[in-house]
Amino acid sequence: MGTAHLSLQPLVAAARLRTILGVASEGTTLRKVIPSKDNCLAIDSSISWVNGEVVQDVWLRLCDVESGDIELKIKLSDLSCVVPAST
């Protein structure tokens, strides 16, 4: 079994950006995350606004194994957690 790590910070930041800008267009790409030594991305990862959710398509390269990749789709559907409530 291999390991991989992924920061959720870009996903949360994109959700905040979507809320601030008021993006409502379906399929809008909010951000791209590129592979680096600080993540396990195998290819560029896009974060988009789809069906009322912020969605990140991820392809991770597994570490500590001879070879292996894993493909994920991460959805942030409750956007109230990324924007402070009005007081």
PDB file of N, CA and C in Angstrom:
ATOM      1  N   MET A   1       0.839  -1.182   0.000  1.00  0.00           N
ATOM      2  CA  MET A   1       0.000   0.000   0.000  1.00  0.00           C
ATOM      3  C   MET A   1       0.878   1.237   0.000  1.00  0.00           C
ATOM      4  N   GLY A   2       0.486   2.188  -0.809  1.00  0.00           N
ATOM      5  CA  GLY A   2       1.217   3.445  -0.870  1.00  0.00           C
ATOM      6  C   GLY A   2       0.520   4.525  -0.061  1.00  0.00           C
ATOM      7  N   THR A   3       1.148   5.672  -0.012  1.00  0.00           N
ATOM      8  CA  THR A   3       0.564   6.820   0.673  1.00  0.00           C
ATOM      9  C   THR A   3       0.539   8.010  -0.280  1.00  0.00           C
ATOM     10  N   ALA A   4      -0.328   8.941   0.005  1.00  0.00           N
ATOM     11  CA  ALA A   4      -0.398  10.190  -0.752  1.00  0.00           C
ATOM     12  C   ALA A   4      -1.016  11.243   0.152  1.00  0.00           C
ATOM     13  N   HIS A   5      -0.658  12.479  -0.074  1.00  0.00           N
ATOM     14  CA  HIS A   5      -1.265  13.555   0.704  1.00  0.00           C
ATOM     15  C   HIS A   5      -1.753  14.647  -0.244  1.00  0.00           C
ATOM     16  N   LEU A   6      -2.761  15.360   0.220  1.00  0.00           N
ATOM     17  CA  LEU A   6      -3.370  16.421  -0.570  1.00  0.00           C
ATOM     18  C   LEU A   6      -3.848  17.508   0.383  1.00  0.00           C
ATOM     19  N   SER A   7      -3.463  18.736   0.120  1.00  0.00           N
ATOM     20  CA  SER A   7      -3.941  19.853   0.925  1.00  0.00           C
ATOM     21  C   SER A   7      -5.333  20.262   0.452  1.00  0.00           C
ATOM     22  N   LEU A   8      -6.239  20.460   1.391  1.00  0.00           N
ATOM     23  CA  LEU A   8      -7.587  20.926   1.066  1.00  0.00           C
ATOM     24  C   LEU A   8      -7.662  22.454   1.030  1.00  0.00           C
ATOM     25  N   GLN A   9      -6.568  23.118   1.367  1.00  0.00           N
ATOM     26  CA  GLN A   9      -6.548  24.581   1.397  1.00  0.00           C
ATOM     27  C   GLN A   9      -6.920  25.205   0.047  1.00  0.00           C
ATOM     28  N   PRO A  10      -6.393  24.741  -1.091  1.00  0.00           N
ATOM     29  CA  PRO A  10      -6.805  25.331  -2.372  1.00  0.00           C
ATOM     30  C   PRO A  10      -8.302  25.173  -2.649  1.00  0.00           C
ATOM     31  N   LEU A  11      -8.890  24.064  -2.237  1.00  0.00           N
ATOM     32  CA  LEU A  11     -10.323  23.829  -2.426  1.00  0.00           C
ATOM     33  C   LEU A  11     -11.142  24.829  -1.605  1.00  0.00           C
ATOM     34  N   VAL A  12     -10.762  25.023  -0.351  1.00  0.00           N
ATOM     35  CA  VAL A  12     -11.463  25.964   0.526  1.00  0.00           C
ATOM     36  C   VAL A  12     -11.268  27.401   0.025  1.00  0.00           C
ATOM     37  N   ALA A  13     -10.052  27.737  -0.412  1.00  0.00           N
ATOM     38  CA  ALA A  13      -9.789  29.081  -0.936  1.00  0.00           C
ATOM     39  C   ALA A  13     -10.610  29.347  -2.194  1.00  0.00           C
ATOM     40  N   ALA A  14     -10.749  28.359  -3.053  1.00  0.00           N
ATOM     41  CA  ALA A  14     -11.559  28.507  -4.269  1.00  0.00           C
ATOM     42  C   ALA A  14     -13.032  28.686  -3.918  1.00  0.00           C
ATOM     43  N   ALA A  15     -13.503  27.988  -2.894  1.00  0.00           N
ATOM     44  CA  ALA A  15     -14.894  28.139  -2.455  1.00  0.00           C
ATOM     45  C   ALA A  15     -15.133  29.548  -1.920  1.00  0.00           C
ATOM     46  N   ARG A  16     -14.184  30.079  -1.163  1.00  0.00           N
ATOM     47  CA  ARG A  16     -14.305  31.456  -0.666  1.00  0.00           C
ATOM     48  C   ARG A  16     -14.316  32.443  -1.827  1.00  0.00           C
ATOM     49  N   LEU A  17     -13.423  32.224  -2.794  1.00  0.00           N
ATOM     50  CA  LEU A  17     -13.350  33.087  -3.968  1.00  0.00           C
ATOM     51  C   LEU A  17     -14.671  33.072  -4.731  1.00  0.00           C
ATOM     52  N   ARG A  18     -15.263  31.900  -4.891  1.00  0.00           N
ATOM     53  CA  ARG A  18     -16.539  31.773  -5.597  1.00  0.00           C
ATOM     54  C   ARG A  18     -17.620  32.577  -4.901  1.00  0.00           C
ATOM     55  N   THR A  19     -17.630  32.516  -3.579  1.00  0.00           N
ATOM     56  CA  THR A  19     -18.625  33.244  -2.802  1.00  0.00           C
ATOM     57  C   THR A  19     -18.409  34.752  -2.910  1.00  0.00           C
ATOM     58  N   ILE A  20     -17.170  35.188  -2.808  1.00  0.00           N
ATOM     59  CA  ILE A  20     -16.852  36.617  -2.880  1.00  0.00           C
ATOM     60  C   ILE A  20     -17.196  37.190  -4.251  1.00  0.00           C
ATOM     61  N   LEU A  21     -16.844  36.457  -5.312  1.00  0.00           N
ATOM     62  CA  LEU A  21     -17.094  36.937  -6.675  1.00  0.00           C
ATOM     63  C   LEU A  21     -18.524  36.695  -7.140  1.00  0.00           C
ATOM     64  N   GLY A  22     -19.249  35.846  -6.427  1.00  0.00           N
ATOM     65  CA  GLY A  22     -20.624  35.546  -6.809  1.00  0.00           C
ATOM     66  C   GLY A  22     -20.730  34.738  -8.092  1.00  0.00           C
ATOM     67  N   VAL A  23     -19.771  33.875  -8.336  1.00  0.00           N
ATOM     68  CA  VAL A  23     -19.777  33.048  -9.543  1.00  0.00           C
ATOM     69  C   VAL A  23     -20.976  32.109  -9.511  1.00  0.00           C
ATOM     70  N   ALA A  24     -21.762  32.135 -10.585  1.00  0.00           N
ATOM     71  CA  ALA A  24     -22.929  31.261 -10.657  1.00  0.00           C
ATOM     72  C   ALA A  24     -22.925  30.424 -11.927  1.00  0.00           C
ATOM     73  N   SER A  25     -22.022  30.719 -12.855  1.00  0.00           N
ATOM     74  CA  SER A  25     -21.977  29.991 -14.124  1.00  0.00           C
ATOM     75  C   SER A  25     -21.511  28.560 -13.912  1.00  0.00           C
ATOM     76  N   GLU A  26     -22.321  27.639 -14.376  1.00  0.00           N
ATOM     77  CA  GLU A  26     -22.037  26.207 -14.240  1.00  0.00           C
ATOM     78  C   GLU A  26     -20.743  25.852 -14.972  1.00  0.00           C
ATOM     79  N   GLY A  27     -19.881  25.085 -14.315  1.00  0.00           N
ATOM     80  CA  GLY A  27     -18.655  24.611 -14.941  1.00  0.00           C
ATOM     81  C   GLY A  27     -17.510  25.609 -14.935  1.00  0.00           C
ATOM     82  N   THR A  28     -17.656  26.722 -14.229  1.00  0.00           N
ATOM     83  CA  THR A  28     -16.595  27.722 -14.159  1.00  0.00           C
ATOM     84  C   THR A  28     -15.394  27.158 -13.407  1.00  0.00           C
ATOM     85  N   THR A  29     -14.208  27.250 -14.014  1.00  0.00           N
ATOM     86  CA  THR A  29     -12.983  26.832 -13.334  1.00  0.00           C
ATOM     87  C   THR A  29     -12.548  27.961 -12.412  1.00  0.00           C
ATOM     88  N   LEU A  30     -12.451  27.666 -11.134  1.00  0.00           N
ATOM     89  CA  LEU A  30     -12.097  28.658 -10.126  1.00  0.00           C
ATOM     90  C   LEU A  30     -10.595  28.729  -9.890  1.00  0.00           C
ATOM     91  N   ARG A  31      -9.925  27.602 -10.053  1.00  0.00           N
ATOM     92  CA  ARG A  31      -8.497  27.547  -9.743  1.00  0.00           C
ATOM     93  C   ARG A  31      -7.888  26.295 -10.337  1.00  0.00           C
ATOM     94  N   LYS A  32      -6.587  26.361 -10.617  1.00  0.00           N
ATOM     95  CA  LYS A  32      -5.830  25.177 -11.018  1.00  0.00           C
ATOM     96  C   LYS A  32      -4.686  25.001 -10.030  1.00  0.00           C
ATOM     97  N   VAL A  33      -4.427  23.768  -9.659  1.00  0.00           N
ATOM     98  CA  VAL A  33      -3.318  23.446  -8.767  1.00  0.00           C
ATOM     99  C   VAL A  33      -2.357  22.593  -9.577  1.00  0.00           C
ATOM    100  N   ILE A  34      -1.085  22.973  -9.577  1.00  0.00           N
ATOM    101  CA  ILE A  34      -0.106  22.241 -10.378  1.00  0.00           C
ATOM    102  C   ILE A  34       0.737  21.321  -9.494  1.00  0.00           C
ATOM    103  N   PRO A  35       1.251  20.241 -10.071  1.00  0.00           N
ATOM    104  CA  PRO A  35       2.109  19.334  -9.299  1.00  0.00           C
ATOM    105  C   PRO A  35       3.373  20.055  -8.816  1.00  0.00           C
ATOM    106  N   SER A  36       3.797  19.737  -7.611  1.00  0.00           N
ATOM    107  CA  SER A  36       5.029  20.299  -7.055  1.00  0.00           C
ATOM    108  C   SER A  36       5.608  19.315  -6.050  1.00  0.00           C
ATOM    109  N   LYS A  37       6.753  19.662  -5.500  1.00  0.00           N
ATOM    110  CA  LYS A  37       7.366  18.776  -4.504  1.00  0.00           C
ATOM    111  C   LYS A  37       6.589  18.780  -3.190  1.00  0.00           C
ATOM    112  N   ASP A  38       5.668  19.751  -3.023  1.00  0.00           N
ATOM    113  CA  ASP A  38       4.871  19.850  -1.801  1.00  0.00           C
ATOM    114  C   ASP A  38       3.561  19.074  -1.855  1.00  0.00           C
ATOM    115  N   ASN A  39       3.250  18.450  -3.007  1.00  0.00           N
ATOM    116  CA  ASN A  39       2.021  17.662  -3.109  1.00  0.00           C
ATOM    117  C   ASN A  39       2.305  16.382  -3.893  1.00  0.00           C
ATOM    118  N   CYS A  40       1.349  15.515  -3.962  1.00  0.00           N
ATOM    119  CA  CYS A  40       1.510  14.237  -4.659  1.00  0.00           C
ATOM    120  C   CYS A  40       0.749  14.215  -5.986  1.00  0.00           C
ATOM    121  N   LEU A  41       0.429  15.397  -6.524  1.00  0.00           N
ATOM    122  CA  LEU A  41      -0.322  15.446  -7.772  1.00  0.00           C
ATOM    123  C   LEU A  41       0.484  14.858  -8.922  1.00  0.00           C
ATOM    124  N   ALA A  42      -0.176  14.033  -9.734  1.00  0.00           N
ATOM    125  CA  ALA A  42       0.456  13.467 -10.919  1.00  0.00           C
ATOM    126  C   ALA A  42       0.286  14.409 -12.107  1.00  0.00           C
ATOM    127  N   ILE A  43      -0.857  15.117 -12.159  1.00  0.00           N
ATOM    128  CA  ILE A  43      -1.146  16.076 -13.229  1.00  0.00           C
ATOM    129  C   ILE A  43      -1.843  17.289 -12.617  1.00  0.00           C
ATOM    130  N   ASP A  44      -1.985  18.363 -13.418  1.00  0.00           N
ATOM    131  CA  ASP A  44      -2.703  19.548 -12.951  1.00  0.00           C
ATOM    132  C   ASP A  44      -4.087  19.166 -12.441  1.00  0.00           C
ATOM    133  N   SER A  45      -4.529  19.838 -11.409  1.00  0.00           N
ATOM    134  CA  SER A  45      -5.833  19.577 -10.803  1.00  0.00           C
ATOM    135  C   SER A  45      -6.687  20.836 -10.918  1.00  0.00           C
ATOM    136  N   SER A  46      -7.893  20.698 -11.450  1.00  0.00           N
ATOM    137  CA  SER A  46      -8.770  21.858 -11.582  1.00  0.00           C
ATOM    138  C   SER A  46      -9.836  21.844 -10.493  1.00  0.00           C
ATOM    139  N   ILE A  47     -10.195  23.049 -10.045  1.00  0.00           N
ATOM    140  CA  ILE A  47     -11.259  23.227  -9.063  1.00  0.00           C
ATOM    141  C   ILE A  47     -12.347  24.043  -9.754  1.00  0.00           C
ATOM    142  N   SER A  48     -13.554  23.488  -9.813  1.00  0.00           N
ATOM    143  CA  SER A  48     -14.643  24.098 -10.582  1.00  0.00           C
ATOM    144  C   SER A  48     -15.924  24.199  -9.769  1.00  0.00           C
ATOM    145  N   TRP A  49     -16.851  25.015 -10.274  1.00  0.00           N
ATOM    146  CA  TRP A  49     -18.195  25.159  -9.709  1.00  0.00           C
ATOM    147  C   TRP A  49     -19.128  24.295 -10.539  1.00  0.00           C
ATOM    148  N   VAL A  50     -19.658  23.199  -9.958  1.00  0.00           N
ATOM    149  CA  VAL A  50     -20.494  22.237 -10.682  1.00  0.00           C
ATOM    150  C   VAL A  50     -21.701  21.857  -9.820  1.00  0.00           C
ATOM    151  N   ASN A  51     -22.894  22.026 -10.354  1.00  0.00           N
ATOM    152  CA  ASN A  51     -24.137  21.629  -9.668  1.00  0.00           C
ATOM    153  C   ASN A  51     -24.235  22.153  -8.233  1.00  0.00           C
ATOM    154  N   GLY A  52     -23.846  23.398  -8.026  1.00  0.00           N
ATOM    155  CA  GLY A  52     -23.955  23.993  -6.698  1.00  0.00           C
ATOM    156  C   GLY A  52     -22.896  23.546  -5.713  1.00  0.00           C
ATOM    157  N   GLU A  53     -21.830  22.919  -6.214  1.00  0.00           N
ATOM    158  CA  GLU A  53     -20.747  22.444  -5.348  1.00  0.00           C
ATOM    159  C   GLU A  53     -19.405  22.873  -5.931  1.00  0.00           C
ATOM    160  N   VAL A  54     -18.425  23.046  -5.060  1.00  0.00           N
ATOM    161  CA  VAL A  54     -17.058  23.268  -5.503  1.00  0.00           C
ATOM    162  C   VAL A  54     -16.416  21.887  -5.601  1.00  0.00           C
ATOM    163  N   VAL A  55     -15.907  21.554  -6.794  1.00  0.00           N
ATOM    164  CA  VAL A  55     -15.426  20.202  -7.083  1.00  0.00           C
ATOM    165  C   VAL A  55     -13.971  20.257  -7.543  1.00  0.00           C
ATOM    166  N   GLN A  56     -13.146  19.373  -6.984  1.00  0.00           N
ATOM    167  CA  GLN A  56     -11.755  19.255  -7.407  1.00  0.00           C
ATOM    168  C   GLN A  56     -11.519  17.853  -7.937  1.00  0.00           C
ATOM    169  N   ASP A  57     -11.035  17.790  -9.181  1.00  0.00           N
ATOM    170  CA  ASP A  57     -10.632  16.520  -9.779  1.00  0.00           C
ATOM    171  C   ASP A  57      -9.142  16.352  -9.527  1.00  0.00           C
ATOM    172  N   VAL A  58      -8.776  15.228  -8.919  1.00  0.00           N
ATOM    173  CA  VAL A  58      -7.402  15.017  -8.462  1.00  0.00           C
ATOM    174  C   VAL A  58      -6.878  13.677  -8.958  1.00  0.00           C
ATOM    175  N   TRP A  59      -5.635  13.665  -9.414  1.00  0.00           N
ATOM    176  CA  TRP A  59      -4.947  12.433  -9.765  1.00  0.00           C
ATOM    177  C   TRP A  59      -3.653  12.432  -8.956  1.00  0.00           C
ATOM    178  N   LEU A  60      -3.599  11.568  -7.938  1.00  0.00           N
ATOM    179  CA  LEU A  60      -2.454  11.523  -7.026  1.00  0.00           C
ATOM    180  C   LEU A  60      -1.513  10.380  -7.373  1.00  0.00           C
ATOM    181  N   ARG A  61      -0.226  10.644  -7.259  1.00  0.00           N
ATOM    182  CA  ARG A  61       0.787   9.611  -7.422  1.00  0.00           C
ATOM    183  C   ARG A  61       1.111   9.066  -6.035  1.00  0.00           C
ATOM    184  N   LEU A  62       1.015   7.756  -5.881  1.00  0.00           N
ATOM    185  CA  LEU A  62       1.281   7.128  -4.589  1.00  0.00           C
ATOM    186  C   LEU A  62       2.776   7.117  -4.288  1.00  0.00           C
ATOM    187  N   CYS A  63       3.108   7.332  -3.034  1.00  0.00           N
ATOM    188  CA  CYS A  63       4.497   7.305  -2.568  1.00  0.00           C
ATOM    189  C   CYS A  63       4.749   5.989  -1.835  1.00  0.00           C
ATOM    190  N   ASP A  64       5.994   5.660  -1.662  1.00  0.00           N
ATOM    191  CA  ASP A  64       6.424   4.478  -0.911  1.00  0.00           C
ATOM    192  C   ASP A  64       5.968   3.165  -1.546  1.00  0.00           C
ATOM    193  N   VAL A  65       5.748   3.169  -2.856  1.00  0.00           N
ATOM    194  CA  VAL A  65       5.428   1.957  -3.612  1.00  0.00           C
ATOM    195  C   VAL A  65       6.155   2.041  -4.948  1.00  0.00           C
ATOM    196  N   GLU A  66       6.269   0.893  -5.614  1.00  0.00           N
ATOM    197  CA  GLU A  66       6.944   0.864  -6.906  1.00  0.00           C
ATOM    198  C   GLU A  66       6.221   1.750  -7.916  1.00  0.00           C
ATOM    199  N   SER A  67       4.906   1.640  -7.974  1.00  0.00           N
ATOM    200  CA  SER A  67       4.115   2.503  -8.860  1.00  0.00           C
ATOM    201  C   SER A  67       2.668   2.493  -8.397  1.00  0.00           C
ATOM    202  N   GLY A  68       1.944   3.503  -8.782  1.00  0.00           N
ATOM    203  CA  GLY A  68       0.522   3.557  -8.459  1.00  0.00           C
ATOM    204  C   GLY A  68      -0.002   4.974  -8.445  1.00  0.00           C
ATOM    205  N   ASP A  69      -1.199   5.136  -8.958  1.00  0.00           N
ATOM    206  CA  ASP A  69      -1.903   6.413  -8.963  1.00  0.00           C
ATOM    207  C   ASP A  69      -3.310   6.178  -8.433  1.00  0.00           C
ATOM    208  N   ILE A  70      -3.922   7.243  -7.960  1.00  0.00           N
ATOM    209  CA  ILE A  70      -5.317   7.169  -7.533  1.00  0.00           C
ATOM    210  C   ILE A  70      -6.022   8.430  -8.031  1.00  0.00           C
ATOM    211  N   GLU A  71      -7.209   8.247  -8.581  1.00  0.00           N
ATOM    212  CA  GLU A  71      -7.993   9.368  -9.090  1.00  0.00           C
ATOM    213  C   GLU A  71      -9.149   9.641  -8.130  1.00  0.00           C
ATOM    214  N   LEU A  72      -9.314  10.921  -7.748  1.00  0.00           N
ATOM    215  CA  LEU A  72     -10.351  11.314  -6.796  1.00  0.00           C
ATOM    216  C   LEU A  72     -11.156  12.493  -7.325  1.00  0.00           C
ATOM    217  N   LYS A  73     -12.382  12.593  -6.891  1.00  0.00           N
ATOM    218  CA  LYS A  73     -13.218  13.776  -7.114  1.00  0.00           C
ATOM    219  C   LYS A  73     -13.678  14.210  -5.732  1.00  0.00           C
ATOM    220  N   ILE A  74     -13.246  15.396  -5.319  1.00  0.00           N
ATOM    221  CA  ILE A  74     -13.566  15.909  -3.997  1.00  0.00           C
ATOM    222  C   ILE A  74     -14.599  17.020  -4.155  1.00  0.00           C
ATOM    223  N   LYS A  75     -15.695  16.921  -3.399  1.00  0.00           N
ATOM    224  CA  LYS A  75     -16.774  17.903  -3.491  1.00  0.00           C
ATOM    225  C   LYS A  75     -16.957  18.610  -2.157  1.00  0.00           C
ATOM    226  N   LEU A  76     -17.038  19.923  -2.211  1.00  0.00           N
ATOM    227  CA  LEU A  76     -17.365  20.730  -1.041  1.00  0.00           C
ATOM    228  C   LEU A  76     -18.760  21.279  -1.292  1.00  0.00           C
ATOM    229  N   SER A  77     -19.749  20.685  -0.634  1.00  0.00           N
ATOM    230  CA  SER A  77     -21.134  21.048  -0.930  1.00  0.00           C
ATOM    231  C   SER A  77     -21.746  22.007   0.094  1.00  0.00           C
ATOM    232  N   ASP A  78     -21.268  22.003   1.322  1.00  0.00           N
ATOM    233  CA  ASP A  78     -21.793  22.911   2.341  1.00  0.00           C
ATOM    234  C   ASP A  78     -20.876  24.120   2.413  1.00  0.00           C
ATOM    235  N   LEU A  79     -21.190  25.148   1.632  1.00  0.00           N
ATOM    236  CA  LEU A  79     -20.311  26.310   1.546  1.00  0.00           C
ATOM    237  C   LEU A  79     -20.426  27.239   2.744  1.00  0.00           C
ATOM    238  N   SER A  80     -21.365  26.990   3.638  1.00  0.00           N
ATOM    239  CA  SER A  80     -21.484  27.833   4.830  1.00  0.00           C
ATOM    240  C   SER A  80     -20.262  27.688   5.732  1.00  0.00           C
ATOM    241  N   CYS A  81     -19.527  26.607   5.580  1.00  0.00           N
ATOM    242  CA  CYS A  81     -18.353  26.379   6.430  1.00  0.00           C
ATOM    243  C   CYS A  81     -17.153  27.211   5.993  1.00  0.00           C
ATOM    244  N   VAL A  82     -17.189  27.819   4.796  1.00  0.00           N
ATOM    245  CA  VAL A  82     -16.030  28.562   4.314  1.00  0.00           C
ATOM    246  C   VAL A  82     -16.216  30.070   4.371  1.00  0.00           C
ATOM    247  N   VAL A  83     -17.411  30.526   4.693  1.00  0.00           N
ATOM    248  CA  VAL A  83     -17.680  31.959   4.764  1.00  0.00           C
ATOM    249  C   VAL A  83     -18.207  32.289   6.150  1.00  0.00           C
ATOM    250  N   PRO A  84     -17.584  33.233   6.840  1.00  0.00           N
ATOM    251  CA  PRO A  84     -18.079  33.591   8.171  1.00  0.00           C
ATOM    252  C   PRO A  84     -19.516  34.100   8.096  1.00  0.00           C
ATOM    253  N   ALA A  85     -20.309  33.738   9.074  1.00  0.00           N
ATOM    254  CA  ALA A  85     -21.706  34.191   9.124  1.00  0.00           C
ATOM    255  C   ALA A  85     -21.756  35.683   9.427  1.00  0.00           C
ATOM    256  N   SER A  86     -22.735  36.361   8.863  1.00  0.00           N
ATOM    257  CA  SER A  86     -22.922  37.792   9.137  1.00  0.00           C
ATOM    258  C   SER A  86     -23.430  37.962  10.563  1.00  0.00           C
ATOM    259  N   THR A  87     -22.948  39.019  11.220  1.00  0.00           N
ATOM    260  CA  THR A  87     -23.414  39.270  12.587  1.00  0.00           C
ATOM    261  C   THR A  87     -24.195  40.543  12.668  1.00  0.00           C
TER     262      THR A  87
END
